[in-house]
C-alpha atoms as a PDB file:
ATOM      1  CA  MET A   1       0.000   0.000   0.000  1.00  0.00           C
ATOM      2  CA  ILE A   2       1.482   3.311  -1.075  1.00  0.00           C
ATOM      3  CA  ASP A   3       1.915   5.861   1.714  1.00  0.00           C
ATOM      4  CA  MET A   4       0.425   9.078   0.297  1.00  0.00           C
ATOM      5  CA  SER A   5       0.715  11.126   3.484  1.00  0.00           C
ATOM      6  CA  MET A   6       2.421  14.513   3.498  1.00  0.00           C
ATOM      7  CA  SER A   7       3.160  17.156   6.118  1.00  0.00           C
ATOM      8  CA  TYR A   8       2.193  20.796   5.615  1.00  0.00           C
ATOM      9  CA  LEU A   9       2.406  23.595   8.201  1.00  0.00           C
ATOM     10  CA  GLY A  10       2.950  20.987  10.868  1.00  0.00           C
ATOM     11  CA  LEU A  11      -0.336  19.322   9.907  1.00  0.00           C
ATOM     12  CA  GLN A  12      -0.217  15.632   9.050  1.00  0.00           C
ATOM     13  CA  LEU A  13      -2.195  15.185   5.850  1.00  0.00           C
ATOM     14  CA  ALA A  14      -3.474  11.963   4.315  1.00  0.00           C
ATOM     15  CA  GLY A  15      -2.544  13.020   0.787  1.00  0.00           C
ATOM     16  CA  PRO A  16      -0.944  15.710  -1.359  1.00  0.00           C
ATOM     17  CA  ILE A  17      -4.016  17.487  -2.741  1.00  0.00           C
ATOM     18  CA  VAL A  18      -5.339  20.531  -0.909  1.00  0.00           C
ATOM     19  CA  VAL A  19      -8.336  22.467  -2.187  1.00  0.00           C
ATOM     20  CA  SER A  20      -7.244  26.072  -2.515  1.00  0.00           C
ATOM     21  CA  SER A  21      -9.429  29.101  -1.857  1.00  0.00           C
ATOM     22  CA  THR A  22     -12.595  28.837  -3.951  1.00  0.00           C
ATOM     23  CA  PRO A  23     -16.298  29.741  -3.750  1.00  0.00           C
ATOM     24  CA  LEU A  24     -16.973  25.989  -3.980  1.00  0.00           C
ATOM     25  CA  SER A  25     -16.091  25.721  -0.303  1.00  0.00           C
ATOM     26  CA  ASP A  26     -18.762  28.270   0.660  1.00  0.00           C
ATOM     27  CA  ALA A  27     -21.214  25.360   0.924  1.00  0.00           C
ATOM     28  CA  VAL A  28     -20.705  22.890   3.779  1.00  0.00           C
ATOM     29  CA  ASP A  29     -22.004  20.051   1.586  1.00  0.00           C
ATOM     30  CA  ASN A  30     -19.196  20.774  -0.874  1.00  0.00           C
ATOM     31  CA  VAL A  31     -16.678  20.765   1.958  1.00  0.00           C
ATOM     32  CA  ARG A  32     -17.848  17.267   2.924  1.00  0.00           C
ATOM     33  CA  HIS A  33     -17.731  16.219  -0.734  1.00  0.00           C
ATOM     34  CA  MET A  34     -14.126  17.427  -1.002  1.00  0.00           C
ATOM     35  CA  GLU A  35     -13.117  15.332   1.987  1.00  0.00           C
ATOM     36  CA  ASP A  36     -14.915  12.274   0.593  1.00  0.00           C
ATOM     37  CA  ALA A  37     -13.192  12.758  -2.772  1.00  0.00           C
ATOM     38  CA  GLY A  38      -9.770  12.661  -1.117  1.00  0.00           C
ATOM     39  CA  ALA A  39      -8.795  16.258  -0.363  1.00  0.00           C
ATOM     40  CA  SER A  40      -6.337  16.273   2.540  1.00  0.00           C
ATOM     41  CA  ALA A  41      -7.172  19.858   3.586  1.00  0.00           C
ATOM     42  CA  ILE A  42      -9.319  22.753   2.456  1.00  0.00           C
ATOM     43  CA  VAL A  43      -8.593  26.475   2.268  1.00  0.00           C
ATOM     44  CA  LEU A  44     -11.807  28.451   2.539  1.00  0.00           C
ATOM     45  CA  SER A  45     -12.510  31.440   0.313  1.00  0.00           C
ATOM     46  CA  SER A  46     -10.873  34.688   1.394  1.00  0.00           C
ATOM     47  CA  LEU A  47     -12.241  37.121   3.918  1.00  0.00           C
ATOM     48  CA  PHE A  48     -11.498  40.613   2.603  1.00  0.00           C
ATOM     49  CA  GLU A  49     -10.527  43.321   5.041  1.00  0.00           C
ATOM     50  CA  GLU A  50     -12.184  45.919   2.804  1.00  0.00           C
ATOM     51  CA  GLN A  51     -15.533  44.204   3.245  1.00  0.00           C
ATOM     52  CA  LEU A  52     -15.158  44.223   6.981  1.00  0.00           C
ATOM     53  CA  ALA A  53     -14.258  47.887   6.944  1.00  0.00           C
ATOM     54  CA  LEU A  54     -17.387  48.621   4.934  1.00  0.00           C
ATOM     55  CA  GLU A  55     -19.424  46.802   7.538  1.00  0.00           C
ATOM     56  CA  ALA A  56     -18.098  49.281  10.063  1.00  0.00           C
ATOM     57  CA  ASN A  57     -18.664  52.185   7.657  1.00  0.00           C
ATOM     58  CA  GLN A  58     -14.968  53.002   7.639  1.00  0.00           C
ATOM     59  CA  LEU A  59     -14.523  53.148   3.864  1.00  0.00           C
ATOM     60  CA  ASP A  60     -17.692  54.831   2.729  1.00  0.00           C
ATOM     61  CA  ASP A  61     -16.108  58.262   2.469  1.00  0.00           C
ATOM     62  CA  ASP A  62     -12.979  56.967   0.720  1.00  0.00           C
ATOM     63  CA  LEU A  63     -14.933  55.024  -1.879  1.00  0.00           C
ATOM     64  CA  SER A  64     -17.231  57.902  -2.748  1.00  0.00           C
ATOM     65  CA  ARG A  65     -14.841  60.844  -2.473  1.00  0.00           C
ATOM     66  CA  GLY A  66     -14.408  62.582  -5.822  1.00  0.00           C
ATOM     67  CA  THR A  67     -17.068  60.580  -7.652  1.00  0.00           C
ATOM     68  CA  GLU A  68     -19.194  63.662  -8.108  1.00  0.00           C
ATOM     69  CA  SER A  69     -16.730  64.792 -10.774  1.00  0.00           C
ATOM     70  CA  PHE A  70     -15.813  61.316 -12.018  1.00  0.00           C
ATOM     71  CA  ALA A  71     -18.740  59.034 -11.400  1.00  0.00           C
ATOM     72  CA  GLU A  72     -17.163  56.091 -13.226  1.00  0.00           C
ATOM     73  CA  ALA A  73     -14.524  55.771 -10.504  1.00  0.00           C
ATOM     74  CA  LEU A  74     -16.571  53.308  -8.493  1.00  0.00           C
ATOM     75  CA  ASP A  75     -16.890  51.004 -11.502  1.00  0.00           C
ATOM     76  CA  TYR A  76     -13.264  49.973 -11.021  1.00  0.00           C
ATOM     77  CA  LEU A  77     -13.889  48.756  -7.482  1.00  0.00           C
ATOM     78  CA  PRO A  78     -15.803  45.603  -6.511  1.00  0.00           C
ATOM     79  CA  ASP A  79     -19.286  46.052  -5.105  1.00  0.00           C
ATOM     80  CA  LEU A  80     -18.286  44.903  -1.650  1.00  0.00           C
ATOM     81  CA  ASN A  81     -21.736  45.702  -0.280  1.00  0.00           C
ATOM     82  CA  ASN A  82     -22.958  42.674  -2.228  1.00  0.00           C
ATOM     83  CA  TYR A  83     -20.029  40.441  -1.285  1.00  0.00           C
ATOM     84  CA  ARG A  84     -21.289  36.992  -0.479  1.00  0.00           C
ATOM     85  CA  MET A  85     -19.421  36.423   2.810  1.00  0.00           C
ATOM     86  CA  THR A  86     -19.784  38.965   5.613  1.00  0.00           C
ATOM     87  CA  HIS A  87     -17.683  38.943   8.739  1.00  0.00           C
ATOM     88  CA  GLU A  88     -19.924  36.946  11.070  1.00  0.00           C
ATOM     89  CA  VAL A  89     -21.152  34.694   8.266  1.00  0.00           C
ATOM     90  CA  TYR A  90     -17.561  33.790   7.421  1.00  0.00           C
ATOM     91  CA  LEU A  91     -16.653  32.883  10.984  1.00  0.00           C
ATOM     92  CA  GLU A  92     -19.832  30.841  11.412  1.00  0.00           C
ATOM     93  CA  HIS A  93     -19.146  29.022   8.149  1.00  0.00           C
ATOM     94  CA  LEU A  94     -15.616  28.292   9.360  1.00  0.00           C
ATOM     95  CA  ARG A  95     -17.005  26.774  12.556  1.00  0.00           C
ATOM     96  CA  LYS A  96     -19.503  24.630  10.641  1.00  0.00           C
ATOM     97  CA  ALA A  97     -16.882  23.466   8.156  1.00  0.00           C
ATOM     98  CA  ARG A  98     -14.548  22.388  10.963  1.00  0.00           C
ATOM     99  CA  GLU A  99     -17.373  20.420  12.567  1.00  0.00           C
ATOM    100  CA  ALA A 100     -18.392  18.806   9.277  1.00  0.00           C
ATOM    101  CA  VAL A 101     -15.052  17.230   8.357  1.00  0.00           C
ATOM    102  CA  LYS A 102     -12.040  15.604   9.995  1.00  0.00           C
ATOM    103  CA  ILE A 103      -9.446  17.086   7.660  1.00  0.00           C
ATOM    104  CA  PRO A 104      -7.822  20.462   8.422  1.00  0.00           C
ATOM    105  CA  VAL A 105      -9.729  23.579   7.362  1.00  0.00           C
ATOM    106  CA  LEU A 106      -7.640  26.669   6.721  1.00  0.00           C
ATOM    107  CA  ALA A 107      -8.988  30.206   6.803  1.00  0.00           C
ATOM    108  CA  SER A 108      -7.909  32.681   4.131  1.00  0.00           C
ATOM    109  CA  LEU A 109      -7.405  36.355   4.894  1.00  0.00           C
ATOM    110  CA  ASN A 110      -6.941  39.029   2.253  1.00  0.00           C
ATOM    111  CA  GLY A 111      -5.964  42.176   4.108  1.00  0.00           C
ATOM    112  CA  VAL A 112      -4.112  45.433   3.666  1.00  0.00           C
ATOM    113  CA  THR A 113      -3.325  46.871   7.105  1.00  0.00           C
ATOM    114  CA  PRO A 114      -1.541  45.379  10.143  1.00  0.00           C
ATOM    115  CA  GLY A 115      -4.449  46.180  12.465  1.00  0.00           C
ATOM    116  CA  GLY A 116      -6.982  44.522  10.197  1.00  0.00           C
ATOM    117  CA  TRP A 117      -4.908  41.412   9.598  1.00  0.00           C
ATOM    118  CA  VAL A 118      -4.188  40.841  13.275  1.00  0.00           C
ATOM    119  CA  ARG A 119      -7.757  41.423  14.448  1.00  0.00           C
ATOM    120  CA  PHE A 120      -9.337  39.095  11.927  1.00  0.00           C
ATOM    121  CA  ALA A 121      -6.601  36.455  12.195  1.00  0.00           C
ATOM    122  CA  LYS A 122      -7.303  36.158  15.920  1.00  0.00           C
ATOM    123  CA  GLU A 123     -10.999  35.712  15.251  1.00  0.00           C
ATOM    124  CA  MET A 124     -10.267  33.010  12.681  1.00  0.00           C
ATOM    125  CA  GLU A 125      -8.119  31.181  15.223  1.00  0.00           C
ATOM    126  CA  GLN A 126     -10.876  31.411  17.813  1.00  0.00           C
ATOM    127  CA  ALA A 127     -13.386  30.078  15.288  1.00  0.00           C
ATOM    128  CA  GLY A 128     -11.311  26.920  14.919  1.00  0.00           C
ATOM    129  CA  ALA A 129      -9.122  27.438  11.842  1.00  0.00           C
ATOM    130  CA  SER A 130      -6.401  24.800  11.574  1.00  0.00           C
ATOM    131  CA  ALA A 131      -4.108  27.400  10.023  1.00  0.00           C
ATOM    132  CA  ILE A 132      -4.321  30.753   8.260  1.00  0.00           C
ATOM    133  CA  GLU A 133      -3.354  31.539   4.693  1.00  0.00           C
ATOM    134  CA  LEU A 134      -2.522  35.202   4.134  1.00  0.00           C
ATOM    135  CA  ASN A 135      -3.594  35.993   0.589  1.00  0.00           C
ATOM    136  CA  THR A 136      -1.295  38.895  -0.228  1.00  0.00           C
ATOM    137  CA  TYR A 137      -1.978  41.348  -3.015  1.00  0.00           C
ATOM    138  CA  ALA A 138      -0.015  44.591  -2.968  1.00  0.00           C
ATOM    139  CA  LEU A 139       0.224  46.526  -6.215  1.00  0.00           C
ATOM    140  CA  ALA A 140       2.706  49.375  -6.615  1.00  0.00           C
ATOM    141  CA  THR A 141       1.067  52.018  -8.798  1.00  0.00           C
ATOM    142  CA  ASP A 142       2.907  55.002  -7.361  1.00  0.00           C
ATOM    143  CA  LYS A 143       6.434  55.618  -8.690  1.00  0.00           C
ATOM    144  CA  SER A 144       7.560  56.742  -5.256  1.00  0.00           C
ATOM    145  CA  LEU A 145       7.004  53.219  -3.846  1.00  0.00           C
ATOM    146  CA  THR A 146      10.222  51.225  -4.021  1.00  0.00           C
ATOM    147  CA  SER A 147      10.478  47.451  -4.120  1.00  0.00           C
ATOM    148  CA  GLU A 148      12.172  47.596  -0.718  1.00  0.00           C
ATOM    149  CA  HIS A 149       9.190  49.489   0.710  1.00  0.00           C
ATOM    150  CA  MET A 150       6.734  46.933  -0.668  1.00  0.00           C
ATOM    151  CA  GLU A 151       8.701  44.011   0.738  1.00  0.00           C
ATOM    152  CA  ASN A 152       9.164  45.653   4.128  1.00  0.00           C
ATOM    153  CA  GLN A 153       5.429  46.315   4.304  1.00  0.00           C
ATOM    154  CA  LEU A 154       4.663  42.680   3.547  1.00  0.00           C
ATOM    155  CA  VAL A 155       7.154  41.386   6.090  1.00  0.00           C
ATOM    156  CA  ALA A 156       5.720  43.700   8.736  1.00  0.00           C
ATOM    157  CA  LEU A 157       2.186  42.481   8.027  1.00  0.00           C
ATOM    158  CA  VAL A 158       3.187  38.833   8.210  1.00  0.00           C
ATOM    159  CA  SER A 159       5.175  39.414  11.380  1.00  0.00           C
ATOM    160  CA  SER A 160       2.206  41.076  13.079  1.00  0.00           C
ATOM    161  CA  VAL A 161      -0.072  38.136  12.302  1.00  0.00           C
ATOM    162  CA  CYS A 162       2.409  35.397  13.193  1.00  0.00           C
ATOM    163  CA  SER A 163       3.106  36.993  16.571  1.00  0.00           C
ATOM    164  CA  SER A 164      -0.589  37.291  17.390  1.00  0.00           C
ATOM    165  CA  VAL A 165      -1.803  33.725  16.744  1.00  0.00           C
ATOM    166  CA  LYS A 166      -0.622  30.285  17.785  1.00  0.00           C
ATOM    167  CA  ILE A 167      -1.805  28.384  14.708  1.00  0.00           C
ATOM    168  CA  PRO A 168       0.475  28.087  11.638  1.00  0.00           C
ATOM    169  CA  VAL A 169       0.507  30.886   9.083  1.00  0.00           C
ATOM    170  CA  ALA A 170       1.205  30.482   5.356  1.00  0.00           C
ATOM    171  CA  VAL A 171       1.821  33.371   2.970  1.00  0.00           C
ATOM    172  CA  LYS A 172       0.405  33.275  -0.539  1.00  0.00           C
ATOM    173  CA  LEU A 173       2.844  35.254  -2.657  1.00  0.00           C
ATOM    174  CA  SER A 174       2.942  36.807  -6.072  1.00  0.00           C
ATOM    175  CA  GLN A 175       5.882  36.014  -8.322  1.00  0.00           C
ATOM    176  CA  ASN A 176       6.671  39.692  -8.887  1.00  0.00           C
ATOM    177  CA  PHE A 177       9.546  40.119  -6.463  1.00  0.00           C
ATOM    178  CA  SER A 178      13.124  40.942  -7.401  1.00  0.00           C
ATOM    179  CA  SER A 179      14.678  38.342  -5.093  1.00  0.00           C
ATOM    180  CA  LEU A 180      12.159  35.735  -4.058  1.00  0.00           C
ATOM    181  CA  PRO A 181      14.646  33.598  -2.070  1.00  0.00           C
ATOM    182  CA  HIS A 182      15.640  36.602   0.059  1.00  0.00           C
ATOM    183  CA  LEU A 183      12.011  37.538   0.693  1.00  0.00           C
ATOM    184  CA  ALA A 184      11.145  33.931   1.527  1.00  0.00           C
ATOM    185  CA  ALA A 185      13.918  33.831   4.106  1.00  0.00           C
ATOM    186  CA  ARG A 186      12.700  37.081   5.665  1.00  0.00           C
ATOM    187  CA  LEU A 187       9.127  35.782   5.895  1.00  0.00           C
ATOM    188  CA  GLU A 188      10.373  32.609   7.515  1.00  0.00           C
ATOM    189  CA  GLU A 189      12.351  34.651  10.043  1.00  0.00           C
ATOM    190  CA  VAL A 190       9.227  36.487  11.209  1.00  0.00           C
ATOM    191  CA  GLY A 191       7.263  33.281  11.678  1.00  0.00           C
ATOM    192  CA  ALA A 192       5.737  32.124   8.387  1.00  0.00           C
ATOM    193  CA  LYS A 193       5.502  28.319   8.368  1.00  0.00           C
ATOM    194  CA  GLY A 194       4.555  28.008   4.710  1.00  0.00           C
ATOM    195  CA  LEU A 195       4.796  29.715   1.334  1.00  0.00           C
ATOM    196  CA  VAL A 196       2.100  29.336  -1.320  1.00  0.00           C
ATOM    197  CA  LEU A 197       3.371  29.830  -4.889  1.00  0.00           C
ATOM    198  CA  PHE A 198       1.789  31.729  -6.551  1.00  0.00           C
ATOM    199  CA  ASN A 199      -1.206  33.995  -6.302  1.00  0.00           C
ATOM    200  CA  ARG A 200      -3.144  34.223  -9.586  1.00  0.00           C
ATOM    201  CA  PHE A 201      -4.080  37.858 -10.038  1.00  0.00           C
ATOM    202  CA  TYR A 202      -7.086  38.396 -12.256  1.00  0.00           C
ATOM    203  CA  GLN A 203      -6.106  41.209 -14.589  1.00  0.00           C
ATOM    204  CA  PRO A 204      -8.817  43.424 -16.099  1.00  0.00           C
ATOM    205  CA  ASP A 205      -9.435  43.448 -19.829  1.00  0.00           C
ATOM    206  CA  PHE A 206     -10.093  46.417 -22.101  1.00  0.00           C
ATOM    207  CA  ASP A 207     -13.264  46.762 -24.125  1.00  0.00           C
ATOM    208  CA  ILE A 208     -12.237  48.880 -27.127  1.00  0.00           C
ATOM    209  CA  GLU A 209     -15.851  49.466 -28.207  1.00  0.00           C
ATOM    210  CA  THR A 210     -17.229  50.797 -24.928  1.00  0.00           C
ATOM    211  CA  LEU A 211     -13.840  52.039 -23.703  1.00  0.00           C
ATOM    212  CA  GLU A 212     -14.372  50.257 -20.411  1.00  0.00           C
ATOM    213  CA  VAL A 213     -12.059  48.303 -18.168  1.00  0.00           C
ATOM    214  CA  ARG A 214     -13.765  45.057 -17.232  1.00  0.00           C
ATOM    215  CA  PRO A 215     -12.863  42.346 -14.726  1.00  0.00           C
ATOM    216  CA  THR A 216     -12.062  38.953 -16.231  1.00  0.00           C
ATOM    217  CA  LEU A 217     -11.609  35.484 -14.809  1.00  0.00           C
ATOM    218  CA  HIS A 218      -9.913  32.602 -16.589  1.00  0.00           C
ATOM    219  CA  PHE A 219      -9.281  29.158 -15.184  1.00  0.00           C
ATOM    220  CA  SER A 220      -5.667  28.133 -14.835  1.00  0.00           C
ATOM    221  CA  THR A 221      -3.943  25.813 -17.302  1.00  0.00           C
ATOM    222  CA  PRO A 222      -1.059  23.368 -16.744  1.00  0.00           C
ATOM    223  CA  ALA A 223       1.185  25.797 -18.645  1.00  0.00           C
ATOM    224  CA  GLU A 224       1.099  28.075 -15.589  1.00  0.00           C
ATOM    225  CA  LEU A 225       2.703  25.357 -13.498  1.00  0.00           C
ATOM    226  CA  LEU A 226       6.192  25.848 -14.942  1.00  0.00           C
ATOM    227  CA  THR A 227       6.966  29.074 -13.074  1.00  0.00           C
ATOM    228  CA  ARG A 228       5.748  27.544  -9.832  1.00  0.00           C
ATOM    229  CA  LEU A 229       7.842  24.409 -10.303  1.00  0.00           C
ATOM    230  CA  HIS A 230      10.901  26.502 -11.093  1.00  0.00           C
ATOM    231  CA  TRP A 231      10.731  28.640  -7.943  1.00  0.00           C
ATOM    232  CA  THR A 232       9.717  25.746  -5.706  1.00  0.00           C
ATOM    233  CA  ALA A 233      12.738  23.799  -6.905  1.00  0.00           C
ATOM    234  CA  ILE A 234      14.970  26.777  -6.135  1.00  0.00           C
ATOM    235  CA  LEU A 235      13.511  27.471  -2.680  1.00  0.00           C
ATOM    236  CA  TYR A 236      13.389  23.829  -1.545  1.00  0.00           C
ATOM    237  CA  GLY A 237      16.253  23.298   0.861  1.00  0.00           C
ATOM    238  CA  ASN A 238      17.031  27.008   1.107  1.00  0.00           C
ATOM    239  CA  VAL A 239      14.154  27.677   3.482  1.00  0.00           C
ATOM    240  CA  LYS A 240      12.609  25.491   6.135  1.00  0.00           C
ATOM    241  CA  ALA A 241       9.077  26.721   5.427  1.00  0.00           C
ATOM    242  CA  ASP A 242       6.797  24.284   3.661  1.00  0.00           C
ATOM    243  CA  ILE A 243       5.929  25.099   0.073  1.00  0.00           C
ATOM    244  CA  ALA A 244       2.518  24.687  -1.522  1.00  0.00           C
ATOM    245  CA  ILE A 245       2.080  24.968  -5.279  1.00  0.00           C
ATOM    246  CA  THR A 246      -1.124  26.521  -6.570  1.00  0.00           C
ATOM    247  CA  GLY A 247      -2.058  27.495 -10.118  1.00  0.00           C
ATOM    248  CA  GLY A 248      -1.934  25.013 -12.965  1.00  0.00           C
ATOM    249  CA  VAL A 249      -2.414  21.774 -10.993  1.00  0.00           C
ATOM    250  CA  HIS A 250      -4.872  19.685 -13.003  1.00  0.00           C
ATOM    251  CA  SER A 251      -3.550  16.117 -13.272  1.00  0.00           C
ATOM    252  CA  ALA A 252      -1.595  13.404 -11.479  1.00  0.00           C
ATOM    253  CA  GLU A 253       1.461  14.430 -13.469  1.00  0.00           C
ATOM    254  CA  ASP A 254       1.074  17.987 -12.156  1.00  0.00           C
ATOM    255  CA  VAL A 255       0.826  16.721  -8.575  1.00  0.00           C
ATOM    256  CA  LEU A 256       3.896  14.518  -8.974  1.00  0.00           C
ATOM    257  CA  LYS A 257       5.904  17.348 -10.515  1.00  0.00           C
ATOM    258  CA  SER A 258       4.898  19.618  -7.650  1.00  0.00           C
ATOM    259  CA  VAL A 259       6.145  17.140  -5.064  1.00  0.00           C
ATOM    260  CA  MET A 260       9.317  16.343  -6.997  1.00  0.00           C
ATOM    261  CA  ALA A 261      10.133  20.050  -7.181  1.00  0.00           C
ATOM    262  CA  GLY A 262       9.933  20.170  -3.387  1.00  0.00           C
ATOM    263  CA  GLY A 263       6.316  21.042  -2.690  1.00  0.00           C
ATOM    264  CA  SER A 264       4.659  19.678   0.428  1.00  0.00           C
ATOM    265  CA  VAL A 265       1.238  19.822  -1.228  1.00  0.00           C
ATOM    266  CA  ALA A 266      -0.352  20.670  -4.554  1.00  0.00           C
ATOM    267  CA  MET A 267      -3.378  22.943  -4.411  1.00  0.00           C
ATOM    268  CA  MET A 268      -6.233  22.501  -6.853  1.00  0.00           C
ATOM    269  CA  VAL A 269      -9.114  24.803  -7.799  1.00  0.00           C
ATOM    270  CA  SER A 270      -9.645  25.379 -11.522  1.00  0.00           C
ATOM    271  CA  ALA A 271      -9.638  21.654 -12.261  1.00  0.00           C
ATOM    272  CA  LEU A 272     -12.494  21.197  -9.786  1.00  0.00           C
ATOM    273  CA  HIS A 273     -14.552  23.904 -11.457  1.00  0.00           C
ATOM    274  CA  ILE A 274     -13.931  22.262 -14.829  1.00  0.00           C
ATOM    275  CA  HIS A 275     -14.215  18.550 -13.944  1.00  0.00           C
ATOM    276  CA  GLY A 276     -16.085  18.533 -10.642  1.00  0.00           C
ATOM    277  CA  ILE A 277     -15.018  17.765  -7.076  1.00  0.00           C
ATOM    278  CA  ASP A 278     -14.736  14.020  -7.767  1.00  0.00           C
ATOM    279  CA  HIS A 279     -11.759  14.836  -9.989  1.00  0.00           C
ATOM    280  CA  ILE A 280      -9.647  14.764  -6.817  1.00  0.00           C
ATOM    281  CA  GLY A 281     -10.196  11.028  -6.428  1.00  0.00           C
ATOM    282  CA  ARG A 282      -9.319  10.292 -10.041  1.00  0.00           C
ATOM    283  CA  VAL A 283      -6.085  12.265  -9.780  1.00  0.00           C
ATOM    284  CA  LEU A 284      -5.100  10.529  -6.545  1.00  0.00           C
ATOM    285  CA  ALA A 285      -5.728   7.120  -8.137  1.00  0.00           C
ATOM    286  CA  ASP A 286      -3.435   8.062 -11.009  1.00  0.00           C
ATOM    287  CA  VAL A 287      -0.751   9.235  -8.573  1.00  0.00           C
ATOM    288  CA  ARG A 288      -0.896   5.901  -6.729  1.00  0.00           C
ATOM    289  CA  TYR A 289      -0.681   3.997 -10.008  1.00  0.00           C
ATOM    290  CA  TRP A 290       2.423   5.939 -11.069  1.00  0.00           C
ATOM    291  CA  LEU A 291       4.128   5.395  -7.714  1.00  0.00           C
ATOM    292  CA  GLU A 292       3.385   1.677  -7.772  1.00  0.00           C
ATOM    293  CA  LYS A 293       4.581   1.373 -11.354  1.00  0.00           C
ATOM    294  CA  HIS A 294       7.867   3.038 -10.462  1.00  0.00           C
ATOM    295  CA  GLU A 295       8.211   1.052  -7.215  1.00  0.00           C
ATOM    296  CA  TYR A 296       7.953   3.883  -4.719  1.00  0.00           C
ATOM    297  CA  ALA A 297       6.895   2.954  -1.193  1.00  0.00           C
ATOM    298  CA  SER A 298       5.666   6.457  -0.444  1.00  0.00           C
ATOM    299  CA  LEU A 299       5.019   9.773  -2.112  1.00  0.00           C
ATOM    300  CA  GLY A 300       7.388  11.423   0.350  1.00  0.00           C
ATOM    301  CA  GLN A 301      10.280   9.531  -1.241  1.00  0.00           C
ATOM    302  CA  ALA A 302       9.844  11.594  -4.379  1.00  0.00           C
ATOM    303  CA  ARG A 303       9.791  14.973  -2.659  1.00  0.00           C
ATOM    304  CA  GLY A 304      12.526  17.286  -3.855  1.00  0.00           C
ATOM    305  CA  CYS A 305      14.139  14.792  -6.237  1.00  0.00           C
ATOM    306  CA  LEU A 306      13.971  17.371  -9.038  1.00  0.00           C
ATOM    307  CA  SER A 307      14.844  20.387  -6.916  1.00  0.00           C
ATOM    308  CA  ARG A 308      17.850  22.567  -7.579  1.00  0.00           C
ATOM    309  CA  ARG A 309      19.526  21.172  -4.469  1.00  0.00           C
ATOM    310  CA  SER A 310      19.235  17.607  -5.771  1.00  0.00           C
ATOM    311  CA  ALA A 311      20.175  18.306  -9.387  1.00  0.00           C
ATOM    312  CA  PRO A 312      23.666  17.230 -10.526  1.00  0.00           C
ATOM    313  CA  ASP A 313      23.477  20.041 -13.072  1.00  0.00           C
ATOM    314  CA  ILE A 314      22.038  23.322 -11.773  1.00  0.00           C
ATOM    315  CA  ALA A 315      22.102  24.976 -15.204  1.00  0.00           C
ATOM    316  CA  PRO A 316      18.375  24.315 -15.834  1.00  0.00           C
ATOM    317  CA  PHE A 317      17.583  26.503 -12.819  1.00  0.00           C
ATOM    318  CA  ASP A 318      20.013  29.287 -13.652  1.00  0.00           C
ATOM    319  CA  ARG A 319      20.941  31.448 -16.622  1.00  0.00           C
ATOM    320  CA  GLY A 320      22.587  28.526 -18.378  1.00  0.00           C
ATOM    321  CA  ASN A 321      19.206  27.072 -19.227  1.00  0.00           C
ATOM    322  CA  TYR A 322      18.200  30.273 -21.012  1.00  0.00           C
ATOM    323  CA  ILE A 323      21.270  30.114 -23.229  1.00  0.00           C
ATOM    324  CA  ARG A 324      20.931  26.382 -23.827  1.00  0.00           C
ATOM    325  CA  THR A 325      17.295  26.696 -24.809  1.00  0.00           C
ATOM    326  CA  LEU A 326      18.000  29.419 -27.347  1.00  0.00           C
ATOM    327  CA  ASN A 327      20.955  27.550 -28.821  1.00  0.00           C
ATOM    328  CA  SER A 328      18.973  24.325 -29.152  1.00  0.00           C
ATOM    329  CA  TYR A 329      16.167  25.955 -31.109  1.00  0.00           C
ATOM    330  CA  SER A 330      16.479  25.921 -34.852  1.00  0.00           C
ATOM    331  CA  LEU A 331      14.116  27.773 -37.097  1.00  0.00           C
ATOM    332  CA  ARG A 332      13.108  25.664 -40.070  1.00  0.00           C
ATOM    333  CA  GLN A 333      12.699  27.573 -43.230  1.00  0.00           C
ATOM    334  CA  THR A 334       9.603  26.816 -45.176  1.00  0.00           C
ATOM    335  CA  VAL A 335       9.293  27.313 -48.874  1.00  0.00           C
ATOM    336  CA  THR A 336       5.969  28.611 -50.032  1.00  0.00           C
ATOM    337  CA  ALA A 337       4.972  27.424 -53.459  1.00  0.00           C
ATOM    338  CA  PHE A 338       3.191  29.872 -55.633  1.00  0.00           C
END
């Protein structure tokens, strides 16, 4: 019998597939279904600090200021008044989800200020969260904001949360940092137990007919996995924090690659929206088949075998791979007959 267990954030998990933050988990019946299908843990959808501030009427003035002269301004912001998960509803759902399943249930917090993150993280801990995932999204649109400022702000936020709760904290990062290994080490120093690579930011699209900027959402594809594998393989062994890969995990091959790069777990969302929650079970069956075929006793044996630390040739992870790839590509000339 293949041992599929993995460890993530100090939590002993029965398998490698974790359901990442998704509206699917807003229904307790779906949470039970995910456990039955083989999910080893579930990250609930994010609780947004902006929504909570609106509940306390703290952002009303900021959101409406100046709209008398430019009424379209509010169109670029989400209608948080209609957001599906209010503060108390979220915490109650977290409690019910924890009672409904035996697997760990992680809360997800998307915040912007130290005070907000700390306050809501404590409430999530009290509601029974097994761990907290900090869903970070900081966008530098002002030229006066340096990369050092942005990183220091993030580290300060993570530090404030980690020092205020006893449960493990993971940080969901974007890939847009100048030196990801350095930032990862700093986050680990202030208490982060896990890194989630990477956040999928939903970029707006332009409508050239109406001259509007519109929100768009596209499901991930396996092609997005490459960047995540690359950075996981580089970070594995350089930091002690566990690494979760999210974005582009659709198949057993994707799960195996994630673990071989050094990931503790592979997080899945888009594939569940496309194929249904039962897709988890099919993927796990394929993972077991591959491990048996290749005579592995456990999935843990494969962890990190394709990481930079384990590679006899580190060129694929460094600049050498860029040069090699370009040199190996030959453009075939085609003759067009007229």
